[in-house]
């Protein structure tokens, strides 16, 4: 779960959106599965990476 304590640079609104996206993607997986935790971490990483590229696009101002 993304929080202000474990994630830097995002506002609470964006963190809420990221968490809801992870929750939606994880709803397709069985919580009793042996790989559930690994799958959760993988999806969380994917969502985080995507938001980093969308939210923190570097500008090319010289």
N, C-alpha and C. Protein backbone atom coordinates (compact mmCIF):
# COMPACT_ATOMS: atom_id res chain seq x y z
N UNK A 1 0.85 -1.17 0.00
CA UNK A 1 0.00 0.00 0.00
C UNK A 1 0.89 1.23 0.00
N UNK A 2 0.55 2.18 -0.84
CA UNK A 2 1.31 3.42 -0.94
C UNK A 2 0.80 4.42 0.11
N UNK A 3 1.73 4.96 0.89
CA UNK A 3 1.39 5.96 1.89
C UNK A 3 2.37 7.12 1.80
N UNK A 4 2.09 8.20 2.52
CA UNK A 4 3.00 9.34 2.55
C UNK A 4 4.31 8.97 3.25
N UNK A 5 4.26 7.95 4.11
CA UNK A 5 5.45 7.54 4.85
C UNK A 5 6.40 6.69 4.00
N UNK A 6 5.86 5.89 3.07
CA UNK A 6 6.74 5.01 2.30
C UNK A 6 6.90 5.44 0.85
N UNK A 7 6.32 6.57 0.48
CA UNK A 7 6.41 7.05 -0.88
C UNK A 7 6.68 8.55 -0.86
N UNK A 8 7.62 8.98 -1.65
CA UNK A 8 8.02 10.38 -1.64
C UNK A 8 7.66 11.04 -2.97
N UNK A 9 7.14 12.26 -2.91
CA UNK A 9 6.91 13.04 -4.11
C UNK A 9 5.50 13.00 -4.66
N UNK A 10 4.62 12.21 -4.07
CA UNK A 10 3.24 12.11 -4.54
C UNK A 10 2.31 12.76 -3.52
N UNK A 11 1.25 13.40 -4.01
CA UNK A 11 0.25 13.93 -3.09
C UNK A 11 -0.73 12.82 -2.71
N UNK A 12 -1.56 13.06 -1.71
CA UNK A 12 -2.46 12.03 -1.21
C UNK A 12 -3.46 11.58 -2.27
N UNK A 13 -3.92 12.50 -3.10
CA UNK A 13 -4.86 12.15 -4.17
C UNK A 13 -4.25 11.12 -5.11
N UNK A 14 -3.00 11.34 -5.51
CA UNK A 14 -2.32 10.42 -6.41
C UNK A 14 -2.08 9.08 -5.73
N UNK A 15 -1.70 9.09 -4.47
CA UNK A 15 -1.50 7.84 -3.74
C UNK A 15 -2.79 7.04 -3.65
N UNK A 16 -3.91 7.73 -3.43
CA UNK A 16 -5.21 7.05 -3.39
C UNK A 16 -5.53 6.41 -4.74
N UNK A 17 -5.23 7.11 -5.82
CA UNK A 17 -5.46 6.56 -7.15
C UNK A 17 -4.58 5.34 -7.40
N UNK A 18 -3.32 5.42 -6.98
CA UNK A 18 -2.40 4.30 -7.15
C UNK A 18 -2.89 3.09 -6.36
N UNK A 19 -3.30 3.30 -5.12
CA UNK A 19 -3.80 2.20 -4.28
C UNK A 19 -5.05 1.58 -4.86
N UNK A 20 -5.95 2.39 -5.39
CA UNK A 20 -7.18 1.82 -5.95
C UNK A 20 -6.88 1.04 -7.22
N UNK A 21 -5.88 1.47 -7.97
CA UNK A 21 -5.50 0.72 -9.17
C UNK A 21 -4.90 -0.63 -8.80
N UNK A 22 -4.05 -0.65 -7.78
CA UNK A 22 -3.48 -1.92 -7.31
C UNK A 22 -4.60 -2.83 -6.82
N UNK A 23 -5.52 -2.28 -6.06
CA UNK A 23 -6.63 -3.08 -5.53
C UNK A 23 -7.47 -3.67 -6.67
N UNK A 24 -7.72 -2.87 -7.68
CA UNK A 24 -8.51 -3.34 -8.83
C UNK A 24 -7.78 -4.47 -9.55
N UNK A 25 -6.50 -4.31 -9.79
CA UNK A 25 -5.73 -5.34 -10.47
C UNK A 25 -5.61 -6.61 -9.63
N UNK A 26 -5.51 -6.46 -8.32
CA UNK A 26 -5.39 -7.62 -7.44
C UNK A 26 -6.71 -8.35 -7.26
N UNK A 27 -7.82 -7.71 -7.55
CA UNK A 27 -9.11 -8.38 -7.39
C UNK A 27 -9.26 -9.57 -8.34
N UNK A 28 -8.40 -9.62 -9.35
CA UNK A 28 -8.44 -10.73 -10.31
C UNK A 28 -7.67 -11.94 -9.81
N UNK A 29 -6.98 -11.81 -8.68
CA UNK A 29 -6.14 -12.88 -8.16
C UNK A 29 -6.72 -13.43 -6.86
N UNK A 30 -6.51 -14.70 -6.65
CA UNK A 30 -7.00 -15.37 -5.45
C UNK A 30 -6.10 -15.06 -4.25
N UNK A 31 -6.65 -14.44 -3.20
CA UNK A 31 -5.84 -14.10 -2.02
C UNK A 31 -5.25 -15.31 -1.31
N UNK A 32 -5.78 -16.48 -1.56
CA UNK A 32 -5.29 -17.70 -0.93
C UNK A 32 -4.18 -18.36 -1.74
N UNK A 33 -3.89 -17.78 -2.88
CA UNK A 33 -2.84 -18.33 -3.74
C UNK A 33 -1.48 -18.22 -3.07
N UNK A 34 -0.61 -19.17 -3.36
CA UNK A 34 0.73 -19.16 -2.78
C UNK A 34 1.55 -17.97 -3.31
N UNK A 35 1.26 -17.53 -4.50
CA UNK A 35 2.01 -16.45 -5.12
C UNK A 35 1.35 -15.09 -4.95
N UNK A 36 0.35 -15.00 -4.11
CA UNK A 36 -0.40 -13.75 -3.97
C UNK A 36 0.50 -12.58 -3.55
N UNK A 37 1.35 -12.80 -2.57
CA UNK A 37 2.21 -11.73 -2.08
C UNK A 37 3.19 -11.27 -3.16
N UNK A 38 3.77 -12.22 -3.88
CA UNK A 38 4.69 -11.87 -4.98
C UNK A 38 3.96 -11.11 -6.07
N UNK A 39 2.77 -11.57 -6.40
CA UNK A 39 1.96 -10.91 -7.42
C UNK A 39 1.61 -9.49 -6.98
N UNK A 40 1.26 -9.33 -5.71
CA UNK A 40 0.92 -8.02 -5.17
C UNK A 40 2.11 -7.07 -5.30
N UNK A 41 3.28 -7.54 -4.91
CA UNK A 41 4.49 -6.71 -5.00
C UNK A 41 4.82 -6.36 -6.44
N UNK A 42 4.65 -7.30 -7.33
CA UNK A 42 4.93 -7.06 -8.75
C UNK A 42 3.98 -6.00 -9.32
N UNK A 43 2.71 -6.13 -9.02
CA UNK A 43 1.72 -5.17 -9.51
C UNK A 43 1.96 -3.80 -8.89
N UNK A 44 2.30 -3.78 -7.62
CA UNK A 44 2.60 -2.52 -6.94
C UNK A 44 3.80 -1.83 -7.61
N UNK A 45 4.82 -2.59 -7.93
CA UNK A 45 5.99 -2.04 -8.62
C UNK A 45 5.62 -1.50 -10.00
N UNK A 46 4.79 -2.23 -10.72
CA UNK A 46 4.37 -1.79 -12.05
C UNK A 46 3.59 -0.49 -11.98
N UNK A 47 2.67 -0.39 -11.04
CA UNK A 47 1.87 0.82 -10.87
C UNK A 47 2.78 1.98 -10.47
N UNK A 48 3.69 1.74 -9.55
CA UNK A 48 4.62 2.78 -9.11
C UNK A 48 5.47 3.28 -10.28
N UNK A 49 6.02 2.36 -11.05
CA UNK A 49 6.86 2.75 -12.19
C UNK A 49 6.07 3.56 -13.21
N UNK A 50 4.84 3.15 -13.46
CA UNK A 50 4.01 3.86 -14.44
C UNK A 50 3.69 5.27 -13.95
N UNK A 51 3.35 5.40 -12.69
CA UNK A 51 3.05 6.73 -12.15
C UNK A 51 4.30 7.62 -12.11
N UNK A 52 5.45 7.02 -11.87
CA UNK A 52 6.69 7.80 -11.87
C UNK A 52 6.95 8.39 -13.25
N UNK A 53 6.70 7.62 -14.29
CA UNK A 53 6.94 8.14 -15.64
C UNK A 53 5.86 9.11 -16.07
N UNK A 54 4.65 8.94 -15.57
CA UNK A 54 3.55 9.85 -15.96
C UNK A 54 3.58 11.14 -15.16
N UNK A 55 3.84 11.07 -13.87
CA UNK A 55 3.77 12.23 -13.00
C UNK A 55 5.06 13.03 -13.02
N UNK A 56 6.18 12.35 -13.08
CA UNK A 56 7.47 13.01 -13.00
C UNK A 56 8.19 13.03 -14.33
N UNK A 57 7.54 13.50 -15.35
CA UNK A 57 8.20 13.63 -16.65
C UNK A 57 9.20 14.78 -16.59
N UNK A 58 10.43 14.51 -16.92
CA UNK A 58 11.41 15.61 -16.88
C UNK A 58 11.17 16.59 -18.01
N UNK A 59 11.34 17.85 -17.71
CA UNK A 59 11.19 18.85 -18.75
C UNK A 59 12.55 19.08 -19.41
N UNK A 60 12.54 19.58 -20.61
CA UNK A 60 13.78 19.79 -21.35
C UNK A 60 14.12 21.26 -21.45
N UNK A 61 13.80 22.02 -20.41
CA UNK A 61 14.13 23.44 -20.41
C UNK A 61 15.63 23.60 -20.28
N UNK A 62 16.19 24.45 -21.10
CA UNK A 62 17.63 24.73 -21.03
C UNK A 62 17.86 26.17 -20.64
